[in-house]
Amino acid sequence: MIGGGITGVFTAKIADAPIPEFVYYLYDHLGNTRVTYSVEVKTPTQIEPTVLSATDYYPYGKALRTYGKERYQSTYHERDVESGFDYRGARFYDSDVARFNSLDPHASDYASWSDYSYVLGNPLMLIDSDGKDPIIPKIYLVDFAGLDMDVISGHVRDIFAKNGFEVTTEIITPEQALAITPLDQQGVYGVSVINTPRQKDGPYQFLGHSEINHDLILLAWEDNGNIGTTTYVNSNEFSNAAYREYTMGYLASHEILHQMLEQAYLYYGYTEEEIKTMFASSDSDGEHYDSEPNLNKDGRNTKIPEGASDKLRPQEQILNSNDHKCLLQSFFSDVGSDNYFLGRD
């Protein structure tokens, strides 16, 4: 994916009249500067673009080939001309060897990793905006049903990993869910696994549902000492024990994707009413995108894949064709650049 932005303004004279000329930056989903260019306005109907610089990168940020010069390169960090190191805030980064040049200030949180490593060895999906922590979305899974939550949790991680997104999961009790509700941090999500007969009216009408209010995810509630949830997937109608946990993992991934998309749309300036309108029609470009089998599609209308698979099956895809995958890639990169830390208490 390539996006665009304007980073500088200077003045050129055309026919003795000062006309502002902009330098445009084109970047990929990680924020790497790929192309910079300017545009010369020759006449009101004729413009002429000029490429100022272009760069392709190896996975860890080293320049593969370049044209022209640009200071801000890998994940839009300034590259020092003399040393070739990127200034990342807390540390300098050497893209030639894929290592930082000094200790991680948060090294104690990652004891199994080198103190100098970059984004936990996953530079295609993660960025390090300030030289401290990588950006990994976190998912809470609440055990209301007593199923094998380890299998469900692993299947959720597997589905997102096959789509190119690393996520972390944590299994918690209803009491713990009540204590952290509502989830209000960018990049933190949750869903409960229940086993309750579906109701015509009441909180459990669907196979799955996410209750989101002003970007707050409502994971649990309490009434007269009883803890319930309105953000859930329901195992009650799935009696095949061999596939039940995998079915719950799939539906949980579907609901988590709802939450990720709503956060992303809100982040990029959509109003709640616009999002509701977009999601209202099953054949729109919104959350239930029904043009082909995919993870965004309504679980009631999708043949849920049975068991696990090393391959990304059609029903598990986060599609590029409706911009969802690109949207989330940009979102997780941009919130990192805003110095959000995702996936860590």
Protein backbone atom coordinates (compact mmCIF):
# COMPACT_ATOMS: atom_id res chain seq x y z
CA MET A 1 0.00 0.00 0.00
CA ILE A 2 1.19 3.52 -0.72
CA GLY A 3 -0.24 6.60 0.94
CA GLY A 4 0.56 10.25 0.44
CA GLY A 5 1.30 13.33 2.51
CA ILE A 6 2.60 16.88 2.17
CA THR A 7 5.66 17.67 4.30
CA GLY A 8 7.12 20.94 3.01
CA VAL A 9 6.25 24.13 1.19
CA PHE A 10 8.52 26.47 -0.71
CA THR A 11 7.94 29.16 -3.32
CA ALA A 12 8.73 29.09 -7.03
CA LYS A 13 8.15 31.92 -9.50
CA ILE A 14 6.08 31.26 -12.59
CA ALA A 15 5.38 34.20 -14.88
CA ASP A 16 6.63 36.51 -12.09
CA ALA A 17 3.88 35.35 -9.74
CA PRO A 18 4.77 33.45 -6.54
CA ILE A 19 3.12 30.04 -6.59
CA PRO A 20 3.44 27.64 -3.67
CA GLU A 21 5.12 24.39 -4.62
CA PHE A 22 4.70 21.31 -2.47
CA VAL A 23 6.96 18.33 -1.91
CA TYR A 24 4.88 15.15 -1.71
CA TYR A 25 5.92 12.00 0.16
CA LEU A 26 4.66 8.56 -0.85
CA TYR A 27 5.14 5.89 1.78
CA ASP A 28 4.25 2.24 2.37
CA HIS A 29 2.26 0.67 5.22
CA LEU A 30 5.26 0.85 7.59
CA GLY A 31 5.81 4.54 6.93
CA ASN A 32 8.96 3.99 4.84
CA THR A 33 9.56 6.93 2.50
CA ARG A 34 9.34 5.42 -0.99
CA VAL A 35 9.08 8.42 -3.34
CA THR A 36 9.25 12.20 -3.01
CA TYR A 37 8.20 14.47 -5.85
CA SER A 38 7.21 18.01 -6.67
CA VAL A 39 4.75 19.39 -9.20
CA GLU A 40 5.38 22.35 -11.49
CA VAL A 41 2.28 24.21 -12.62
CA LYS A 42 2.95 25.28 -16.20
CA THR A 43 -0.57 26.41 -17.05
CA PRO A 44 -3.92 26.12 -15.29
CA THR A 45 -4.49 22.86 -17.19
CA GLN A 46 -0.93 21.53 -17.38
CA ILE A 47 1.25 20.24 -14.55
CA GLU A 48 4.59 18.47 -14.67
CA PRO A 49 5.67 16.19 -11.79
CA THR A 50 9.35 15.74 -10.98
CA VAL A 51 10.63 12.81 -8.93
CA LEU A 52 13.08 14.08 -6.31
CA SER A 53 13.96 10.77 -4.67
CA ALA A 54 12.97 7.11 -4.70
CA THR A 55 14.03 4.28 -2.39
CA ASP A 56 13.40 0.55 -2.11
CA TYR A 57 14.30 -1.20 1.14
CA TYR A 58 15.47 -4.52 2.50
CA PRO A 59 13.14 -5.82 5.26
CA TYR A 60 15.15 -4.29 8.12
CA GLY A 61 15.35 -0.82 6.58
CA LYS A 62 18.64 -0.85 4.64
CA ALA A 63 18.32 0.89 1.28
CA LEU A 64 18.22 -1.62 -1.59
CA ARG A 65 18.37 0.99 -4.35
CA THR A 66 17.99 4.74 -4.31
CA TYR A 67 17.50 7.69 -6.60
CA GLY A 68 18.19 11.20 -5.33
CA LYS A 69 18.54 12.04 -1.64
CA GLU A 70 16.06 12.10 1.24
CA ARG A 71 16.80 12.54 4.96
CA TYR A 72 13.75 10.70 6.30
CA GLN A 73 13.83 7.09 5.16
CA SER A 74 13.07 3.84 7.03
CA THR A 75 9.72 4.18 8.88
CA TYR A 76 10.13 7.93 8.30
CA HIS A 77 13.07 8.31 10.70
CA GLU A 78 15.96 10.65 9.98
CA ARG A 79 19.07 8.91 8.64
CA ASP A 80 22.38 10.45 9.67
CA VAL A 81 24.51 11.19 6.59
CA GLU A 82 27.90 10.43 8.16
CA SER A 83 27.11 7.24 10.11
CA GLY A 84 24.12 5.92 8.15
CA PHE A 85 22.30 5.32 11.45
CA ASP A 86 18.61 6.15 12.00
CA TYR A 87 17.75 8.34 14.97
CA ARG A 88 14.85 6.63 16.77
CA GLY A 89 14.53 8.83 19.85
CA ALA A 90 15.78 6.56 22.62
CA ARG A 91 18.50 4.93 20.49
CA PHE A 92 20.29 4.93 17.14
CA TYR A 93 19.46 2.06 14.77
CA ASP A 94 21.85 0.46 12.25
CA SER A 95 19.82 -0.95 9.36
CA ASP A 96 22.93 -2.63 7.88
CA VAL A 97 23.03 -5.15 10.73
CA ALA A 98 19.38 -4.85 11.90
CA ARG A 99 20.44 -3.90 15.42
CA PHE A 100 20.26 -0.90 17.72
CA ASN A 101 23.58 0.50 18.91
CA SER A 102 22.70 0.65 22.60
CA LEU A 103 20.66 -1.26 25.18
CA ASP A 104 16.87 -1.36 25.07
CA PRO A 105 15.53 0.85 27.91
CA HIS A 106 12.83 -1.81 28.39
CA ALA A 107 15.13 -4.81 28.04
CA SER A 108 13.83 -6.41 31.25
CA ASP A 109 10.42 -6.83 29.63
CA TYR A 110 11.90 -8.94 26.82
CA ALA A 111 14.32 -11.25 28.60
CA SER A 112 14.25 -13.88 25.85
CA TRP A 113 15.29 -11.36 23.17
CA SER A 114 18.58 -9.60 22.48
CA ASP A 115 18.80 -6.17 24.08
CA TYR A 116 19.70 -4.78 20.65
CA SER A 117 17.09 -6.55 18.49
CA TYR A 118 14.62 -4.71 16.26
CA VAL A 119 10.81 -5.29 16.45
CA LEU A 120 11.15 -8.86 17.75
CA GLY A 121 12.38 -10.05 14.37
CA ASN A 122 9.21 -9.05 12.48
CA PRO A 123 10.06 -5.94 10.40
CA LEU A 124 7.36 -6.55 7.78
CA MET A 125 4.51 -5.89 10.21
CA LEU A 126 5.94 -4.11 13.27
CA ILE A 127 7.61 -0.74 13.71
CA ASP A 128 9.57 0.82 16.56
CA SER A 129 8.68 4.48 16.67
CA ASP A 130 10.91 5.55 19.57
CA GLY A 131 13.56 2.86 20.11
CA LYS A 132 11.75 1.29 23.04
CA ASP A 133 8.83 -1.08 22.43
CA PRO A 134 7.47 -2.86 19.36
CA ILE A 135 3.82 -2.43 18.44
CA ILE A 136 1.74 -5.58 18.85
CA PRO A 137 -2.07 -5.53 19.21
CA LYS A 138 -3.36 -7.33 22.30
CA ILE A 139 -6.50 -9.47 22.58
CA TYR A 140 -8.21 -10.50 25.83
CA LEU A 141 -10.23 -13.74 25.68
CA VAL A 142 -12.69 -14.19 28.55
CA ASP A 143 -13.57 -17.73 29.65
CA PHE A 144 -17.30 -17.90 30.44
CA ALA A 145 -17.87 -21.39 28.98
CA GLY A 146 -15.12 -23.63 30.36
CA LEU A 147 -13.86 -24.66 26.90
CA ASP A 148 -10.23 -25.26 25.96
CA MET A 149 -9.23 -21.62 25.82
CA ASP A 150 -5.64 -22.45 24.86
CA VAL A 151 -6.88 -23.93 21.56
CA ILE A 152 -9.18 -20.95 20.95
CA SER A 153 -6.40 -18.49 21.76
CA GLY A 154 -3.91 -20.27 19.50
CA HIS A 155 -6.38 -20.35 16.61
CA VAL A 156 -7.00 -16.59 16.93
CA ARG A 157 -3.26 -15.88 16.80
CA ASP A 158 -2.89 -18.27 13.86
CA ILE A 159 -5.63 -16.62 11.77
CA PHE A 160 -4.16 -13.14 12.24
CA ALA A 161 -0.61 -14.40 11.66
CA LYS A 162 -1.61 -15.97 8.33
CA ASN A 163 -2.94 -12.53 7.34
CA GLY A 164 0.39 -10.94 8.30
CA PHE A 165 -0.63 -9.51 11.70
CA GLU A 166 1.13 -10.57 14.87
CA VAL A 167 -1.14 -10.33 17.92
CA THR A 168 -0.80 -11.35 21.54
CA THR A 169 -3.61 -13.04 23.47
CA GLU A 170 -4.35 -13.34 27.17
CA ILE A 171 -6.98 -15.62 28.70
CA ILE A 172 -8.79 -14.02 31.65
CA THR A 173 -11.72 -14.77 33.97
CA PRO A 174 -15.06 -12.90 33.96
CA GLU A 175 -13.99 -11.16 37.18
CA GLN A 176 -10.79 -9.93 35.52
CA ALA A 177 -12.80 -8.80 32.48
CA LEU A 178 -15.10 -6.78 34.74
CA ALA A 179 -12.08 -5.10 36.32
CA ILE A 180 -10.62 -3.88 33.00
CA THR A 181 -13.93 -2.92 31.31
CA PRO A 182 -14.22 -0.78 29.28
CA LEU A 183 -11.21 -1.36 27.06
CA ASP A 184 -10.18 2.16 26.05
CA GLN A 185 -6.67 1.82 24.62
CA GLN A 186 -5.83 1.89 20.93
CA GLY A 187 -4.81 -1.60 19.81
CA VAL A 188 -6.33 -3.48 22.76
CA TYR A 189 -9.34 -5.72 22.09
CA GLY A 190 -11.38 -8.42 23.76
CA VAL A 191 -14.15 -10.96 23.39
CA SER A 192 -15.88 -13.42 25.73
CA VAL A 193 -16.53 -17.10 24.95
CA ILE A 194 -19.94 -18.13 26.32
CA ASN A 195 -22.21 -21.17 26.20
CA THR A 196 -25.77 -19.82 26.45
CA PRO A 197 -28.95 -20.64 24.47
CA ARG A 198 -29.63 -17.91 21.93
CA GLN A 199 -32.43 -15.55 22.87
CA LYS A 200 -35.07 -13.90 20.75
CA ASP A 201 -34.70 -10.83 22.92
CA GLY A 202 -31.92 -10.02 25.34
CA PRO A 203 -28.14 -9.84 25.20
CA TYR A 204 -27.48 -13.24 23.54
CA GLN A 205 -29.35 -13.07 20.22
CA PHE A 206 -26.40 -13.79 17.94
CA LEU A 207 -23.55 -16.20 17.36
CA GLY A 208 -21.27 -13.27 18.12
CA HIS A 209 -21.53 -9.59 18.93
CA SER A 210 -19.24 -6.67 19.83
CA GLU A 211 -20.56 -3.88 22.04
CA ILE A 212 -18.61 -0.72 21.27
CA ASN A 213 -19.62 2.68 22.60
CA HIS A 214 -17.61 5.76 21.54
CA ASP A 215 -14.60 3.47 20.80
CA LEU A 216 -14.87 1.89 24.27
CA ILE A 217 -15.18 -1.91 24.14
CA LEU A 218 -17.62 -3.16 26.76
CA LEU A 219 -16.27 -6.56 27.72
CA ALA A 220 -18.33 -7.37 30.86
CA TRP A 221 -21.08 -6.09 33.13
CA GLU A 222 -22.40 -6.96 36.60
CA ASP A 223 -26.01 -7.20 37.78
CA ASN A 224 -26.87 -8.28 41.35
CA GLY A 225 -23.58 -10.12 41.67
CA ASN A 226 -23.88 -11.86 38.28
CA ILE A 227 -21.31 -11.09 35.61
CA GLY A 228 -22.41 -11.06 31.99
CA THR A 229 -21.10 -9.83 28.66
CA THR A 230 -22.36 -8.15 25.51
CA THR A 231 -19.14 -8.71 23.56
CA TYR A 232 -19.04 -12.43 22.91
CA VAL A 233 -19.03 -15.50 20.71
CA ASN A 234 -21.51 -18.25 21.61
CA SER A 235 -20.58 -21.94 21.53
CA ASN A 236 -24.08 -23.20 22.40
CA GLU A 237 -25.06 -24.23 18.87
CA PHE A 238 -21.80 -26.04 18.10
CA SER A 239 -21.88 -29.52 19.56
CA ASN A 240 -19.05 -31.08 17.53
CA ALA A 241 -16.34 -31.24 20.18
CA ALA A 242 -13.65 -31.90 17.59
CA TYR A 243 -14.14 -28.51 15.94
CA ARG A 244 -15.93 -26.41 18.58
CA GLU A 245 -12.86 -24.59 19.88
CA TYR A 246 -11.66 -23.85 16.34
CA THR A 247 -15.13 -22.49 15.49
CA MET A 248 -14.95 -20.22 18.54
CA GLY A 249 -11.47 -19.09 17.53
CA TYR A 250 -12.74 -18.21 14.07
CA LEU A 251 -15.79 -16.30 15.35
CA ALA A 252 -13.63 -14.55 17.96
CA SER A 253 -11.26 -13.42 15.18
CA HIS A 254 -14.28 -12.11 13.26
CA GLU A 255 -15.43 -10.04 16.26
CA ILE A 256 -11.91 -8.78 16.99
CA LEU A 257 -11.67 -7.65 13.38
CA HIS A 258 -14.91 -5.66 13.89
CA GLN A 259 -13.26 -3.88 16.82
CA MET A 260 -10.00 -3.24 14.95
CA LEU A 261 -11.84 -1.75 11.97
CA GLU A 262 -14.04 0.51 14.07
CA GLN A 263 -11.00 1.83 15.95
CA ALA A 264 -9.20 2.45 12.66
CA TYR A 265 -12.15 4.23 11.02
CA LEU A 266 -12.59 6.46 14.08
CA TYR A 267 -8.87 7.20 14.14
CA TYR A 268 -8.96 8.40 10.54
CA GLY A 269 -11.83 10.80 11.16
CA TYR A 270 -15.01 8.87 10.36
CA THR A 271 -17.92 9.70 12.64
CA GLU A 272 -19.84 6.99 14.47
CA GLU A 273 -22.88 7.67 12.30
CA GLU A 274 -20.81 7.24 9.13
CA ILE A 275 -19.41 3.96 10.42
CA LYS A 276 -22.88 2.68 11.34
CA THR A 277 -24.14 3.57 7.87
CA MET A 278 -21.20 1.89 6.24
CA PHE A 279 -21.66 -1.28 8.29
CA ALA A 280 -25.44 -1.38 7.92
CA SER A 281 -25.58 -3.04 4.50
CA SER A 282 -24.20 -6.53 4.03
CA ASP A 283 -23.08 -5.71 0.49
CA SER A 284 -21.37 -2.43 1.40
CA ASP A 285 -17.63 -1.88 1.81
CA GLY A 286 -18.07 -1.98 5.55
CA GLU A 287 -17.49 -4.63 8.17
CA HIS A 288 -19.66 -7.37 6.61
CA TYR A 289 -18.09 -7.27 3.18
CA ASP A 290 -19.87 -10.03 1.27
CA SER A 291 -18.40 -9.95 -2.23
CA GLU A 292 -16.38 -13.12 -1.55
CA PRO A 293 -15.54 -15.38 1.40
CA ASN A 294 -13.46 -13.51 3.96
CA LEU A 295 -13.07 -12.91 7.69
CA ASN A 296 -15.12 -9.69 7.51
CA LYS A 297 -18.18 -11.54 6.30
CA ASP A 298 -21.07 -12.18 8.65
CA GLY A 299 -20.44 -15.48 10.45
CA ARG A 300 -24.08 -16.51 10.04
CA ASN A 301 -23.68 -16.56 6.28
CA THR A 302 -20.20 -18.04 6.09
CA LYS A 303 -19.26 -21.70 6.08
CA ILE A 304 -16.91 -21.63 9.04
CA PRO A 305 -13.75 -23.63 8.25
CA GLU A 306 -13.34 -26.71 10.42
CA GLY A 307 -10.20 -27.35 12.43
CA ALA A 308 -6.80 -25.79 11.83
CA SER A 309 -4.80 -25.33 8.64
CA ASP A 310 -1.32 -24.07 7.79
CA LYS A 311 -2.80 -22.34 4.75
CA LEU A 312 -4.84 -19.14 4.75
CA ARG A 313 -8.31 -20.34 3.80
CA PRO A 314 -10.71 -18.05 1.89
CA GLN A 315 -12.99 -17.58 4.91
CA GLU A 316 -10.01 -16.44 7.00
CA GLN A 317 -8.79 -13.70 4.68
CA ILE A 318 -8.62 -10.04 5.63
CA LEU A 319 -9.13 -8.62 2.16
CA ASN A 320 -7.16 -5.95 0.34
CA SER A 321 -9.96 -5.63 -2.22
CA ASN A 322 -12.08 -3.66 0.26
CA ASP A 323 -9.08 -1.85 1.79
CA HIS A 324 -9.45 -3.49 5.20
CA LYS A 325 -5.97 -5.01 5.28
CA CYS A 326 -4.30 -1.81 4.08
CA LEU A 327 -6.39 0.21 6.53
CA LEU A 328 -5.23 -1.87 9.50
CA GLN A 329 -1.60 -1.89 8.37
CA SER A 330 -1.63 1.90 8.22
CA PHE A 331 -3.53 2.20 11.49
CA PHE A 332 -1.13 0.08 13.53
CA SER A 333 1.82 1.94 12.02
CA ASP A 334 0.32 5.38 12.59
CA VAL A 335 -0.74 4.84 16.19
CA GLY A 336 2.81 3.65 16.81
CA SER A 337 4.14 6.87 15.35
CA ASP A 338 1.86 8.70 17.77
CA ASN A 339 3.73 6.90 20.57
CA TYR A 340 0.91 4.61 21.60
CA PHE A 341 2.18 1.36 23.07
CA LEU A 342 0.02 -1.57 22.11
CA GLY A 343 -0.10 -4.98 23.72
CA ARG A 344 1.50 -4.23 27.08
CA ASP A 345 -0.05 -3.57 30.48
